[in-house]
Amino acid sequence: MYRLFLIAGLLMLFYFFLRRAFQKIKQETGLFTHQEGQTLGNQMVQDPVCRVFIPRENAVREEIGGQTYFFCSRGCATTFQKRLST
């Protein structure tokens, strides 16, 4: 019975080592850009006006005052610019 537990434990360790090795290989080959494994297109950004999180690839991108901001809609971008100008 103890042999069964020992073999199961060793198999679990082997599985986790293999999984970690494959994750490192993926990161080193450039398939991922983050340590978490998220690509830049799937990164979530927060709208500074309504505080909603949206995917970076779907966000409205505006450069205001030399800084890049991401918005959920054109309306939020306009609202943000109005707030800055007053």
Protein backbone atom coordinates (compact mmCIF):
# COMPACT_ATOMS: atom_id res chain seq x y z
CA MET A 1 0.00 0.00 0.00
CA TYR A 2 2.85 2.39 0.84
CA ARG A 3 4.40 1.70 -2.53
CA LEU A 4 1.24 2.91 -4.23
CA PHE A 5 1.35 6.23 -2.31
CA LEU A 6 5.04 6.60 -3.05
CA ILE A 7 4.56 6.00 -6.77
CA ALA A 8 1.59 8.41 -6.88
CA GLY A 9 3.64 11.09 -5.12
CA LEU A 10 6.56 10.64 -7.47
CA LEU A 11 4.27 10.83 -10.50
CA MET A 12 2.77 14.08 -9.20
CA LEU A 13 6.24 15.58 -8.71
CA PHE A 14 7.26 14.48 -12.19
CA TYR A 15 4.11 16.08 -13.63
CA PHE A 16 4.75 19.43 -11.91
CA PHE A 17 8.40 19.50 -13.01
CA LEU A 18 7.43 18.79 -16.61
CA ARG A 19 4.70 21.45 -16.52
CA ARG A 20 7.11 24.05 -15.18
CA ALA A 21 9.71 23.15 -17.80
CA PHE A 22 7.19 23.58 -20.62
CA GLN A 23 6.12 26.97 -19.23
CA LYS A 24 9.74 28.13 -19.19
CA ILE A 25 10.26 26.94 -22.75
CA LYS A 26 7.17 28.85 -23.92
CA GLN A 27 8.37 32.02 -22.21
CA GLU A 28 11.90 31.74 -23.61
CA THR A 29 10.71 31.18 -27.17
CA GLY A 30 8.70 34.41 -27.09
CA LEU A 31 5.24 32.91 -27.25
CA PHE A 32 4.36 34.84 -24.11
CA THR A 33 5.30 38.36 -23.06
CA HIS A 34 4.48 38.20 -19.35
CA GLN A 35 5.48 35.92 -16.55
CA GLU A 36 1.81 35.11 -16.11
CA GLY A 37 1.63 33.95 -19.70
CA GLN A 38 -0.68 36.66 -20.97
CA THR A 39 -0.09 38.11 -24.38
CA LEU A 40 -0.16 41.89 -24.73
CA GLY A 41 -3.42 41.78 -26.66
CA ASN A 42 -5.21 40.05 -23.81
CA GLN A 43 -3.91 42.37 -21.11
CA MET A 44 -6.65 44.16 -19.20
CA VAL A 45 -6.51 47.94 -18.76
CA GLN A 46 -8.68 50.19 -16.61
CA ASP A 47 -10.64 53.11 -17.99
CA PRO A 48 -9.72 56.19 -15.89
CA VAL A 49 -13.24 57.65 -16.19
CA CYS A 50 -15.68 54.83 -15.46
CA ARG A 51 -13.13 52.43 -13.88
CA VAL A 52 -14.14 49.50 -16.09
CA PHE A 53 -11.52 46.91 -17.05
CA ILE A 54 -11.36 46.13 -20.77
CA PRO A 55 -9.01 44.14 -23.01
CA ARG A 56 -6.19 46.34 -24.28
CA GLU A 57 -6.82 45.31 -27.87
CA ASN A 58 -10.45 46.54 -27.71
CA ALA A 59 -9.75 49.80 -25.86
CA VAL A 60 -9.90 53.27 -27.37
CA ARG A 61 -6.34 54.58 -27.19
CA GLU A 62 -5.65 58.29 -26.74
CA GLU A 63 -2.41 60.17 -26.18
CA ILE A 64 -3.05 63.12 -23.91
CA GLY A 65 -0.25 65.30 -22.59
CA GLY A 66 2.41 62.86 -23.77
CA GLN A 67 0.86 59.95 -21.88
CA THR A 68 -1.17 57.10 -23.36
CA TYR A 69 -4.59 56.40 -21.86
CA PHE A 70 -7.01 53.58 -22.64
CA PHE A 71 -10.80 54.06 -22.58
CA CYS A 72 -13.80 51.79 -22.93
CA SER A 73 -15.49 54.17 -25.37
CA ARG A 74 -15.01 57.39 -27.30
CA GLY A 75 -17.41 59.09 -24.87
CA CYS A 76 -15.17 58.31 -21.89
CA ALA A 77 -12.17 59.67 -23.80
CA THR A 78 -14.03 62.92 -24.51
CA THR A 79 -15.13 63.20 -20.87
CA PHE A 80 -11.56 62.69 -19.69
CA GLN A 81 -10.24 65.39 -22.04
CA LYS A 82 -12.93 67.82 -20.86
CA ARG A 83 -12.01 67.17 -17.22
CA LEU A 84 -8.35 67.87 -17.95
CA SER A 85 -9.06 71.10 -19.82
CA THR A 86 -11.10 72.63 -16.96
